[in-house]
């Protein structure tokens, strides 16, 4: 008897705390949190911000919301176009140092 193979997404395999493409948060989130729009934020641990060439987050972004701008004396640094970012979480799962997180749009605006 053949067993059905269940395929896991990279998100499920790595167990990242990110949203699914339909906008729902991973298990354990409340209904109120799931209704908030999310955007990606890149923290200080980012390899590009620490003079190490890495553009993993840009390479996996399905909407091309992450771009890298040049800087003198070092690798390019990431910028996120918040008008394009859908909060899908692909960049969160791809970051080798966990520098990318998803935050609610309201929390991001409060920090500005």
PDB file of N, CA and C in Angstrom:
ATOM      1  N   UNK A   1       0.836  -1.171   0.000  1.00  0.00           N
ATOM      2  CA  UNK A   1       0.000   0.000   0.000  1.00  0.00           C
ATOM      3  C   UNK A   1       0.888   1.245   0.000  1.00  0.00           C
ATOM      4  N   UNK A   2       0.669   2.153  -0.924  1.00  0.00           N
ATOM      5  CA  UNK A   2       1.502   3.351  -1.048  1.00  0.00           C
ATOM      6  C   UNK A   2       1.097   4.394  -0.015  1.00  0.00           C
ATOM      7  N   UNK A   3       2.099   5.010   0.591  1.00  0.00           N
ATOM      8  CA  UNK A   3       1.838   6.087   1.550  1.00  0.00           C
ATOM      9  C   UNK A   3       1.823   7.422   0.819  1.00  0.00           C
ATOM     10  N   UNK A   4       0.920   8.275   1.202  1.00  0.00           N
ATOM     11  CA  UNK A   4       0.865   9.611   0.614  1.00  0.00           C
ATOM     12  C   UNK A   4       2.007  10.449   1.180  1.00  0.00           C
ATOM     13  N   UNK A   5       2.720  11.136   0.323  1.00  0.00           N
ATOM     14  CA  UNK A   5       3.815  11.991   0.748  1.00  0.00           C
ATOM     15  C   UNK A   5       3.280  13.397   0.980  1.00  0.00           C
ATOM     16  N   UNK A   6       3.585  13.916   2.151  1.00  0.00           N
ATOM     17  CA  UNK A   6       3.151  15.272   2.480  1.00  0.00           C
ATOM     18  C   UNK A   6       4.330  16.204   2.275  1.00  0.00           C
ATOM     19  N   UNK A   7       4.168  17.186   1.392  1.00  0.00           N
ATOM     20  CA  UNK A   7       5.228  18.143   1.129  1.00  0.00           C
ATOM     21  C   UNK A   7       5.130  19.300   2.098  1.00  0.00           C
ATOM     22  N   UNK A   8       6.277  19.718   2.612  1.00  0.00           N
ATOM     23  CA  UNK A   8       6.341  20.851   3.521  1.00  0.00           C
ATOM     24  C   UNK A   8       6.932  22.045   2.797  1.00  0.00           C
ATOM     25  N   UNK A   9       6.406  23.220   3.105  1.00  0.00           N
ATOM     26  CA  UNK A   9       7.015  24.426   2.563  1.00  0.00           C
ATOM     27  C   UNK A   9       8.267  24.730   3.363  1.00  0.00           C
ATOM     28  N   UNK A  10       9.110  25.597   2.831  1.00  0.00           N
ATOM     29  CA  UNK A  10      10.314  26.011   3.553  1.00  0.00           C
ATOM     30  C   UNK A  10       9.923  26.640   4.883  1.00  0.00           C
ATOM     31  N   UNK A  11       8.827  27.379   4.890  1.00  0.00           N
ATOM     32  CA  UNK A  11       8.331  28.031   6.099  1.00  0.00           C
ATOM     33  C   UNK A  11       8.008  27.010   7.170  1.00  0.00           C
ATOM     34  N   UNK A  12       7.315  25.939   6.780  1.00  0.00           N
ATOM     35  CA  UNK A  12       6.945  24.901   7.732  1.00  0.00           C
ATOM     36  C   UNK A  12       8.173  24.126   8.207  1.00  0.00           C
ATOM     37  N   UNK A  13       9.094  23.850   7.304  1.00  0.00           N
ATOM     38  CA  UNK A  13      10.278  23.089   7.635  1.00  0.00           C
ATOM     39  C   UNK A  13      11.176  23.840   8.610  1.00  0.00           C
ATOM     40  N   UNK A  14      11.381  25.121   8.368  1.00  0.00           N
ATOM     41  CA  UNK A  14      12.261  25.906   9.224  1.00  0.00           C
ATOM     42  C   UNK A  14      11.570  26.384  10.488  1.00  0.00           C
ATOM     43  N   UNK A  15      10.246  26.306  10.523  1.00  0.00           N
ATOM     44  CA  UNK A  15       9.514  26.683  11.722  1.00  0.00           C
ATOM     45  C   UNK A  15       9.566  28.158  12.036  1.00  0.00           C
ATOM     46  N   UNK A  16       9.735  28.988  11.008  1.00  0.00           N
ATOM     47  CA  UNK A  16       9.808  30.429  11.220  1.00  0.00           C
ATOM     48  C   UNK A  16       8.480  30.997  11.683  1.00  0.00           C
ATOM     49  N   UNK A  17       8.547  32.119  12.346  1.00  0.00           N
ATOM     50  CA  UNK A  17       7.349  32.814  12.800  1.00  0.00           C
ATOM     51  C   UNK A  17       6.969  33.811  11.729  1.00  0.00           C
ATOM     52  N   UNK A  18       6.211  33.332  10.765  1.00  0.00           N
ATOM     53  CA  UNK A  18       5.872  34.194   9.648  1.00  0.00           C
ATOM     54  C   UNK A  18       4.460  33.911   9.173  1.00  0.00           C
ATOM     55  N   UNK A  19       4.008  34.745   8.293  1.00  0.00           N
ATOM     56  CA  UNK A  19       2.651  34.634   7.786  1.00  0.00           C
ATOM     57  C   UNK A  19       2.628  33.744   6.548  1.00  0.00           C
ATOM     58  N   UNK A  20       1.494  33.129   6.318  1.00  0.00           N
ATOM     59  CA  UNK A  20       1.286  32.375   5.097  1.00  0.00           C
ATOM     60  C   UNK A  20       0.927  33.361   3.993  1.00  0.00           C
ATOM     61  N   UNK A  21       1.057  32.977   2.715  1.00  0.00           N
ATOM     62  CA  UNK A  21       0.737  33.895   1.634  1.00  0.00           C
ATOM     63  C   UNK A  21      -0.683  34.456   1.701  1.00  0.00           C
ATOM     64  N   UNK A  22      -1.600  33.749   2.334  1.00  0.00           N
ATOM     65  CA  UNK A  22      -2.959  34.266   2.444  1.00  0.00           C
ATOM     66  C   UNK A  22      -3.104  35.266   3.587  1.00  0.00           C
ATOM     67  N   UNK A  23      -1.996  35.549   4.304  1.00  0.00           N
ATOM     68  CA  UNK A  23      -2.016  36.557   5.356  1.00  0.00           C
ATOM     69  C   UNK A  23      -2.254  36.014   6.752  1.00  0.00           C
ATOM     70  N   UNK A  24      -2.550  34.723   6.900  1.00  0.00           N
ATOM     71  CA  UNK A  24      -2.806  34.158   8.224  1.00  0.00           C
ATOM     72  C   UNK A  24      -1.492  33.882   8.925  1.00  0.00           C
ATOM     73  N   UNK A  25      -1.423  34.195  10.206  1.00  0.00           N
ATOM     74  CA  UNK A  25      -0.215  33.932  10.972  1.00  0.00           C
ATOM     75  C   UNK A  25      -0.082  32.451  11.248  1.00  0.00           C
ATOM     76  N   UNK A  26       1.109  32.028  11.622  1.00  0.00           N
ATOM     77  CA  UNK A  26       1.345  30.634  11.976  1.00  0.00           C
ATOM     78  C   UNK A  26       0.538  30.272  13.209  1.00  0.00           C
ATOM     79  N   UNK A  27       0.503  29.015  13.545  1.00  0.00           N
ATOM     80  CA  UNK A  27      -0.286  28.546  14.670  1.00  0.00           C
ATOM     81  C   UNK A  27       0.096  29.256  15.957  1.00  0.00           C
ATOM     82  N   UNK A  28      -0.862  29.445  16.841  1.00  0.00           N
ATOM     83  CA  UNK A  28      -0.623  30.116  18.103  1.00  0.00           C
ATOM     84  C   UNK A  28      -0.970  31.584  18.077  1.00  0.00           C
ATOM     85  N   UNK A  29      -1.232  32.138  16.912  1.00  0.00           N
ATOM     86  CA  UNK A  29      -1.576  33.558  16.823  1.00  0.00           C
ATOM     87  C   UNK A  29      -3.055  33.740  17.122  1.00  0.00           C
ATOM     88  N   UNK A  30      -3.381  34.887  17.639  1.00  0.00           N
ATOM     89  CA  UNK A  30      -4.778  35.175  17.932  1.00  0.00           C
ATOM     90  C   UNK A  30      -5.470  35.669  16.675  1.00  0.00           C
ATOM     91  N   UNK A  31      -6.776  35.638  16.675  1.00  0.00           N
ATOM     92  CA  UNK A  31      -7.543  36.114  15.527  1.00  0.00           C
ATOM     93  C   UNK A  31      -7.294  37.602  15.306  1.00  0.00           C
ATOM     94  N   UNK A  32      -7.135  38.389  16.386  1.00  0.00           N
ATOM     95  CA  UNK A  32      -6.874  39.816  16.234  1.00  0.00           C
ATOM     96  C   UNK A  32      -5.535  40.058  15.562  1.00  0.00           C
ATOM     97  N   UNK A  33      -4.505  39.304  15.956  1.00  0.00           N
ATOM     98  CA  UNK A  33      -3.185  39.476  15.361  1.00  0.00           C
ATOM     99  C   UNK A  33      -3.190  39.065  13.896  1.00  0.00           C
ATOM    100  N   UNK A  34      -3.952  38.028  13.555  1.00  0.00           N
ATOM    101  CA  UNK A  34      -3.985  37.558  12.181  1.00  0.00           C
ATOM    102  C   UNK A  34      -4.631  38.571  11.253  1.00  0.00           C
ATOM    103  N   UNK A  35      -5.478  39.465  11.778  1.00  0.00           N
ATOM    104  CA  UNK A  35      -6.146  40.432  10.922  1.00  0.00           C
ATOM    105  C   UNK A  35      -5.286  41.655  10.655  1.00  0.00           C
ATOM    106  N   UNK A  36      -4.153  41.802  11.363  1.00  0.00           N
ATOM    107  CA  UNK A  36      -3.286  42.947  11.153  1.00  0.00           C
ATOM    108  C   UNK A  36      -2.421  42.748   9.914  1.00  0.00           C
ATOM    109  N   UNK A  37      -2.280  43.789   9.080  1.00  0.00           N
ATOM    110  CA  UNK A  37      -1.371  43.662   7.944  1.00  0.00           C
ATOM    111  C   UNK A  37       0.080  43.642   8.435  1.00  0.00           C
ATOM    112  N   UNK A  38       0.900  42.816   7.801  1.00  0.00           N
ATOM    113  CA  UNK A  38       2.285  42.657   8.209  1.00  0.00           C
ATOM    114  C   UNK A  38       3.231  43.163   7.132  1.00  0.00           C
ATOM    115  N   UNK A  39       4.412  43.630   7.561  1.00  0.00           N
ATOM    116  CA  UNK A  39       5.479  43.995   6.642  1.00  0.00           C
ATOM    117  C   UNK A  39       6.790  43.468   7.216  1.00  0.00           C
ATOM    118  N   UNK A  40       7.744  43.246   6.339  1.00  0.00           N
ATOM    119  CA  UNK A  40       9.057  42.776   6.764  1.00  0.00           C
ATOM    120  C   UNK A  40       9.883  43.947   7.275  1.00  0.00           C
ATOM    121  N   UNK A  41      10.711  43.658   8.272  1.00  0.00           N
ATOM    122  CA  UNK A  41      11.647  44.631   8.823  1.00  0.00           C
ATOM    123  C   UNK A  41      12.997  43.946   8.946  1.00  0.00           C
ATOM    124  N   UNK A  42      14.049  44.643   8.550  1.00  0.00           N
ATOM    125  CA  UNK A  42      15.392  44.067   8.607  1.00  0.00           C
ATOM    126  C   UNK A  42      16.146  44.693   9.763  1.00  0.00           C
ATOM    127  N   UNK A  43      16.644  43.839  10.659  1.00  0.00           N
ATOM    128  CA  UNK A  43      17.323  44.305  11.864  1.00  0.00           C
ATOM    129  C   UNK A  43      18.827  44.463  11.697  1.00  0.00           C
ATOM    130  N   UNK A  44      19.469  44.856  12.769  1.00  0.00           N
ATOM    131  CA  UNK A  44      20.898  45.164  12.773  1.00  0.00           C
ATOM    132  C   UNK A  44      21.789  43.940  12.564  1.00  0.00           C
ATOM    133  N   UNK A  45      21.262  42.738  12.795  1.00  0.00           N
ATOM    134  CA  UNK A  45      22.060  41.527  12.587  1.00  0.00           C
ATOM    135  C   UNK A  45      22.243  41.189  11.112  1.00  0.00           C
ATOM    136  N   UNK A  46      21.575  41.918  10.225  1.00  0.00           N
ATOM    137  CA  UNK A  46      21.651  41.656   8.786  1.00  0.00           C
ATOM    138  C   UNK A  46      23.107  41.602   8.344  1.00  0.00           C
ATOM    139  N   UNK A  47      23.460  40.568   7.602  1.00  0.00           N
ATOM    140  CA  UNK A  47      24.834  40.413   7.132  1.00  0.00           C
ATOM    141  C   UNK A  47      25.256  41.580   6.250  1.00  0.00           C
ATOM    142  N   UNK A  48      24.362  42.047   5.383  1.00  0.00           N
ATOM    143  CA  UNK A  48      24.682  43.173   4.513  1.00  0.00           C
ATOM    144  C   UNK A  48      25.010  44.436   5.287  1.00  0.00           C
ATOM    145  N   UNK A  49      24.355  44.638   6.413  1.00  0.00           N
ATOM    146  CA  UNK A  49      24.629  45.809   7.243  1.00  0.00           C
ATOM    147  C   UNK A  49      25.918  45.651   8.046  1.00  0.00           C
ATOM    148  N   UNK A  50      26.450  44.425   8.056  1.00  0.00           N
ATOM    149  CA  UNK A  50      27.683  44.141   8.787  1.00  0.00           C
ATOM    150  C   UNK A  50      28.823  43.752   7.851  1.00  0.00           C
ATOM    151  N   UNK A  51      28.813  44.342   6.667  1.00  0.00           N
ATOM    152  CA  UNK A  51      29.898  44.200   5.682  1.00  0.00           C
ATOM    153  C   UNK A  51      30.107  42.786   5.172  1.00  0.00           C
ATOM    154  N   UNK A  52      29.049  41.991   5.096  1.00  0.00           N
ATOM    155  CA  UNK A  52      29.113  40.663   4.515  1.00  0.00           C
ATOM    156  C   UNK A  52      28.111  40.625   3.363  1.00  0.00           C
ATOM    157  N   UNK A  53      28.576  40.225   2.197  1.00  0.00           N
ATOM    158  CA  UNK A  53      27.704  40.202   1.026  1.00  0.00           C
ATOM    159  C   UNK A  53      26.674  39.076   1.144  1.00  0.00           C
ATOM    160  N   UNK A  54      25.406  39.437   1.239  1.00  0.00           N
ATOM    161  CA  UNK A  54      24.302  38.475   1.305  1.00  0.00           C
ATOM    162  C   UNK A  54      23.059  39.172   0.776  1.00  0.00           C
ATOM    163  N   UNK A  55      22.337  38.523  -0.096  1.00  0.00           N
ATOM    164  CA  UNK A  55      21.095  39.080  -0.612  1.00  0.00           C
ATOM    165  C   UNK A  55      20.020  37.996  -0.696  1.00  0.00           C
ATOM    166  N   UNK A  56      20.053  37.070   0.262  1.00  0.00           N
ATOM    167  CA  UNK A  56      19.095  35.958   0.275  1.00  0.00           C
ATOM    168  C   UNK A  56      17.659  36.439   0.313  1.00  0.00           C
ATOM    169  N   UNK A  57      17.372  37.443   1.148  1.00  0.00           N
ATOM    170  CA  UNK A  57      15.999  37.922   1.286  1.00  0.00           C
ATOM    171  C   UNK A  57      15.475  38.486  -0.031  1.00  0.00           C
ATOM    172  N   UNK A  58      16.314  39.224  -0.736  1.00  0.00           N
ATOM    173  CA  UNK A  58      15.914  39.783  -2.027  1.00  0.00           C
ATOM    174  C   UNK A  58      15.635  38.680  -3.028  1.00  0.00           C
ATOM    175  N   UNK A  59      16.478  37.659  -3.027  1.00  0.00           N
ATOM    176  CA  UNK A  59      16.351  36.594  -4.008  1.00  0.00           C
ATOM    177  C   UNK A  59      15.054  35.804  -3.882  1.00  0.00           C
ATOM    178  N   UNK A  60      14.492  35.704  -2.678  1.00  0.00           N
ATOM    179  CA  UNK A  60      13.272  34.907  -2.496  1.00  0.00           C
ATOM    180  C   UNK A  60      11.990  35.738  -2.479  1.00  0.00           C
ATOM    181  N   UNK A  61      12.099  37.060  -2.444  1.00  0.00           N
ATOM    182  CA  UNK A  61      10.902  37.902  -2.349  1.00  0.00           C
ATOM    183  C   UNK A  61      10.079  37.810  -3.637  1.00  0.00           C
ATOM    184  N   UNK A  62       8.855  37.270  -3.546  1.00  0.00           N
ATOM    185  CA  UNK A  62       8.044  37.100  -4.752  1.00  0.00           C
ATOM    186  C   UNK A  62       7.550  38.416  -5.348  1.00  0.00           C
ATOM    187  N   UNK A  63       7.520  39.467  -4.563  1.00  0.00           N
ATOM    188  CA  UNK A  63       7.044  40.775  -5.052  1.00  0.00           C
ATOM    189  C   UNK A  63       8.186  41.737  -5.353  1.00  0.00           C
ATOM    190  N   UNK A  64       9.427  41.305  -5.150  1.00  0.00           N
ATOM    191  CA  UNK A  64      10.617  42.133  -5.354  1.00  0.00           C
ATOM    192  C   UNK A  64      10.540  43.426  -4.538  1.00  0.00           C
ATOM    193  N   UNK A  65      10.090  43.298  -3.295  1.00  0.00           N
ATOM    194  CA  UNK A  65       9.960  44.451  -2.406  1.00  0.00           C
ATOM    195  C   UNK A  65      11.274  44.795  -1.708  1.00  0.00           C
ATOM    196  N   UNK A  66      12.242  43.895  -1.756  1.00  0.00           N
ATOM    197  CA  UNK A  66      13.531  44.130  -1.101  1.00  0.00           C
ATOM    198  C   UNK A  66      14.569  44.444  -2.164  1.00  0.00           C
ATOM    199  N   UNK A  67      15.191  45.597  -2.011  1.00  0.00           N
ATOM    200  CA  UNK A  67      16.249  46.025  -2.922  1.00  0.00           C
ATOM    201  C   UNK A  67      17.501  46.310  -2.113  1.00  0.00           C
ATOM    202  N   UNK A  68      18.630  46.301  -2.772  1.00  0.00           N
ATOM    203  CA  UNK A  68      19.898  46.596  -2.114  1.00  0.00           C
ATOM    204  C   UNK A  68      20.507  47.828  -2.751  1.00  0.00           C
ATOM    205  N   UNK A  69      20.845  48.798  -1.906  1.00  0.00           N
ATOM    206  CA  UNK A  69      21.455  50.036  -2.405  1.00  0.00           C
ATOM    207  C   UNK A  69      22.944  50.009  -2.081  1.00  0.00           C
ATOM    208  N   UNK A  70      23.736  50.566  -2.978  1.00  0.00           N
ATOM    209  CA  UNK A  70      25.183  50.554  -2.744  1.00  0.00           C
ATOM    210  C   UNK A  70      25.588  51.504  -1.628  1.00  0.00           C
ATOM    211  N   UNK A  71      26.717  51.193  -1.003  1.00  0.00           N
ATOM    212  CA  UNK A  71      27.307  52.099  -0.023  1.00  0.00           C
ATOM    213  C   UNK A  71      28.818  52.060  -0.203  1.00  0.00           C
ATOM    214  N   UNK A  72      29.468  53.134   0.157  1.00  0.00           N
ATOM    215  CA  UNK A  72      30.914  53.210   0.025  1.00  0.00           C
ATOM    216  C   UNK A  72      31.591  52.292   1.028  1.00  0.00           C
ATOM    217  N   UNK A  73      32.566  51.535   0.558  1.00  0.00           N
ATOM    218  CA  UNK A  73      33.379  50.725   1.441  1.00  0.00           C
ATOM    219  C   UNK A  73      32.758  49.446   1.945  1.00  0.00           C
ATOM    220  N   UNK A  74      31.673  48.991   1.346  1.00  0.00           N
ATOM    221  CA  UNK A  74      31.081  47.754   1.836  1.00  0.00           C
ATOM    222  C   UNK A  74      30.028  47.217   0.892  1.00  0.00           C
ATOM    223  N   UNK A  75      29.478  46.070   1.236  1.00  0.00           N
ATOM    224  CA  UNK A  75      28.424  45.470   0.405  1.00  0.00           C
ATOM    225  C   UNK A  75      27.164  46.334   0.403  1.00  0.00           C
ATOM    226  N   UNK A  76      26.297  46.044  -0.497  1.00  0.00           N
ATOM    227  CA  UNK A  76      25.026  46.753  -0.600  1.00  0.00           C
ATOM    228  C   UNK A  76      24.196  46.497   0.656  1.00  0.00           C
ATOM    229  N   UNK A  77      23.348  47.455   1.025  1.00  0.00           N
ATOM    230  CA  UNK A  77      22.496  47.307   2.205  1.00  0.00           C
ATOM    231  C   UNK A  77      21.035  47.208   1.773  1.00  0.00           C
ATOM    232  N   UNK A  78      20.233  46.430   2.492  1.00  0.00           N
ATOM    233  CA  UNK A  78      18.844  46.200   2.085  1.00  0.00           C
ATOM    234  C   UNK A  78      17.916  47.354   2.442  1.00  0.00           C
ATOM    235  N   UNK A  79      16.939  47.543   1.582  1.00  0.00           N
ATOM    236  CA  UNK A  79      15.827  48.451   1.855  1.00  0.00           C
ATOM    237  C   UNK A  79      14.553  47.726   1.450  1.00  0.00           C
ATOM    238  N   UNK A  80      13.485  47.974   2.195  1.00  0.00           N
ATOM    239  CA  UNK A  80      12.203  47.329   1.903  1.00  0.00           C
ATOM    240  C   UNK A  80      11.214  48.385   1.450  1.00  0.00           C
ATOM    241  N   UNK A  81      10.587  48.149   0.305  1.00  0.00           N
ATOM    242  CA  UNK A  81       9.529  49.032  -0.181  1.00  0.00           C
ATOM    243  C   UNK A  81       8.236  48.584   0.491  1.00  0.00           C
ATOM    244  N   UNK A  82       7.814  49.329   1.501  1.00  0.00           N
ATOM    245  CA  UNK A  82       6.644  48.943   2.291  1.00  0.00           C
ATOM    246  C   UNK A  82       5.346  48.990   1.492  1.00  0.00           C
ATOM    247  N   UNK A  83       5.348  49.709   0.369  1.00  0.00           N
ATOM    248  CA  UNK A  83       4.142  49.763  -0.461  1.00  0.00           C
ATOM    249  C   UNK A  83       3.970  48.490  -1.273  1.00  0.00           C
ATOM    250  N   UNK A  84       5.054  47.710  -1.426  1.00  0.00           N
ATOM    251  CA  UNK A  84       5.001  46.470  -2.204  1.00  0.00           C
ATOM    252  C   UNK A  84       4.962  45.242  -1.307  1.00  0.00           C
ATOM    253  N   UNK A  85       5.610  45.302  -0.133  1.00  0.00           N
ATOM    254  CA  UNK A  85       5.715  44.151   0.765  1.00  0.00           C
ATOM    255  C   UNK A  85       4.330  43.659   1.181  1.00  0.00           C
ATOM    256  N   UNK A  86       4.109  42.359   1.032  1.00  0.00           N
ATOM    257  CA  UNK A  86       2.823  41.755   1.390  1.00  0.00           C
ATOM    258  C   UNK A  86       2.862  41.040   2.733  1.00  0.00           C
ATOM    259  N   UNK A  87       4.049  40.929   3.331  1.00  0.00           N
ATOM    260  CA  UNK A  87       4.164  40.229   4.606  1.00  0.00           C
ATOM    261  C   UNK A  87       4.061  38.726   4.465  1.00  0.00           C
ATOM    262  N   UNK A  88       4.453  38.192   3.314  1.00  0.00           N
ATOM    263  CA  UNK A  88       4.317  36.749   3.077  1.00  0.00           C
ATOM    264  C   UNK A  88       5.279  35.924   3.921  1.00  0.00           C
ATOM    265  N   UNK A  89       6.436  36.485   4.303  1.00  0.00           N
ATOM    266  CA  UNK A  89       7.367  35.783   5.160  1.00  0.00           C
ATOM    267  C   UNK A  89       8.448  34.984   4.463  1.00  0.00           C
ATOM    268  N   UNK A  90       8.495  34.989   3.156  1.00  0.00           N
ATOM    269  CA  UNK A  90       9.541  34.243   2.453  1.00  0.00           C
ATOM    270  C   UNK A  90      10.929  34.727   2.865  1.00  0.00           C
ATOM    271  N   UNK A  91      11.094  36.029   3.046  1.00  0.00           N
ATOM    272  CA  UNK A  91      12.391  36.590   3.431  1.00  0.00           C
ATOM    273  C   UNK A  91      12.783  36.170   4.848  1.00  0.00           C
ATOM    274  N   UNK A  92      11.812  36.006   5.720  1.00  0.00           N
ATOM    275  CA  UNK A  92      12.086  35.593   7.100  1.00  0.00           C
ATOM    276  C   UNK A  92      12.724  34.214   7.109  1.00  0.00           C
ATOM    277  N   UNK A  93      12.155  33.310   6.364  1.00  0.00           N
ATOM    278  CA  UNK A  93      12.657  31.938   6.330  1.00  0.00           C
ATOM    279  C   UNK A  93      14.018  31.832   5.656  1.00  0.00           C
ATOM    280  N   UNK A  94      14.339  32.757   4.750  1.00  0.00           N
ATOM    281  CA  UNK A  94      15.588  32.643   4.001  1.00  0.00           C
ATOM    282  C   UNK A  94      16.783  33.281   4.694  1.00  0.00           C
ATOM    283  N   UNK A  95      16.567  34.154   5.658  1.00  0.00           N
ATOM    284  CA  UNK A  95      17.675  34.881   6.289  1.00  0.00           C
ATOM    285  C   UNK A  95      18.522  33.931   7.144  1.00  0.00           C
ATOM    286  N   UNK A  96      19.820  33.816   6.836  1.00  0.00           N
ATOM    287  CA  UNK A  96      20.660  32.876   7.581  1.00  0.00           C
ATOM    288  C   UNK A  96      20.943  33.296   9.026  1.00  0.00           C
ATOM    289  N   UNK A  97      20.734  34.569   9.367  1.00  0.00           N
ATOM    290  CA  UNK A  97      21.010  35.027  10.734  1.00  0.00           C
ATOM    291  C   UNK A  97      19.750  35.490  11.465  1.00  0.00           C
ATOM    292  N   UNK A  98      18.596  35.307  10.869  1.00  0.00           N
ATOM    293  CA  UNK A  98      17.345  35.685  11.519  1.00  0.00           C
ATOM    294  C   UNK A  98      17.163  37.180  11.700  1.00  0.00           C
ATOM    295  N   UNK A  99      17.720  37.969  10.785  1.00  0.00           N
ATOM    296  CA  UNK A  99      17.636  39.431  10.908  1.00  0.00           C
ATOM    297  C   UNK A  99      16.321  39.998  10.385  1.00  0.00           C
ATOM    298  N   UNK A 100      15.562  39.208   9.638  1.00  0.00           N
ATOM    299  CA  UNK A 100      14.307  39.692   9.064  1.00  0.00           C
ATOM    300  C   UNK A 100      13.142  39.186   9.908  1.00  0.00           C
ATOM    301  N   UNK A 101      12.281  40.099  10.310  1.00  0.00           N
ATOM    302  CA  UNK A 101      11.087  39.747  11.076  1.00  0.00           C
ATOM    303  C   UNK A 101       9.877  40.418  10.452  1.00  0.00           C
ATOM    304  N   UNK A 102       8.718  39.881  10.754  1.00  0.00           N
ATOM    305  CA  UNK A 102       7.472  40.505  10.310  1.00  0.00           C
ATOM    306  C   UNK A 102       6.881  41.276  11.473  1.00  0.00           C
ATOM    307  N   UNK A 103       6.448  42.473  11.195  1.00  0.00           N
ATOM    308  CA  UNK A 103       5.824  43.318  12.214  1.00  0.00           C
ATOM    309  C   UNK A 103       4.519  43.843  11.649  1.00  0.00           C
ATOM    310  N   UNK A 104       3.603  44.176  12.552  1.00  0.00           N
ATOM    311  CA  UNK A 104       2.347  44.759  12.098  1.00  0.00           C
ATOM    312  C   UNK A 104       2.628  46.147  11.545  1.00  0.00           C
ATOM    313  N   UNK A 105       1.869  46.564  10.586  1.00  0.00           N
ATOM    314  CA  UNK A 105       2.046  47.887   9.973  1.00  0.00           C
ATOM    315  C   UNK A 105       1.890  48.970  11.032  1.00  0.00           C
ATOM    316  N   UNK A 106       0.979  48.791  11.981  1.00  0.00           N
ATOM    317  CA  UNK A 106       0.767  49.788  13.026  1.00  0.00           C
ATOM    318  C   UNK A 106       2.001  49.925  13.915  1.00  0.00           C
ATOM    319  N   UNK A 107       2.647  48.812  14.266  1.00  0.00           N
ATOM    320  CA  UNK A 107       3.845  48.847  15.095  1.00  0.00           C
ATOM    321  C   UNK A 107       4.987  49.533  14.350  1.00  0.00           C
ATOM    322  N   UNK A 108       5.089  49.292  13.066  1.00  0.00           N
ATOM    323  CA  UNK A 108       6.142  49.904  12.263  1.00  0.00           C
ATOM    324  C   UNK A 108       5.939  51.420  12.188  1.00  0.00           C
ATOM    325  N   UNK A 109       4.715  51.852  12.018  1.00  0.00           N
ATOM    326  CA  UNK A 109       4.439  53.294  11.949  1.00  0.00           C
ATOM    327  C   UNK A 109       4.687  53.977  13.291  1.00  0.00           C
ATOM    328  N   UNK A 110       4.455  53.270  14.391  1.00  0.00           N
ATOM    329  CA  UNK A 110       4.670  53.835  15.723  1.00  0.00           C
ATOM    330  C   UNK A 110       6.141  54.069  15.998  1.00  0.00           C
ATOM    331  N   UNK A 111       7.019  53.291  15.359  1.00  0.00           N
ATOM    332  CA  UNK A 111       8.466  53.449  15.548  1.00  0.00           C
ATOM    333  C   UNK A 111       9.028  54.627  14.782  1.00  0.00           C
ATOM    334  N   UNK A 112       8.289  55.156  13.845  1.00  0.00           N
ATOM    335  CA  UNK A 112       8.805  56.251  12.991  1.00  0.00           C
ATOM    336  C   UNK A 112       8.709  57.574  13.684  1.00  0.00           C
TER     337      UNK A 112
END
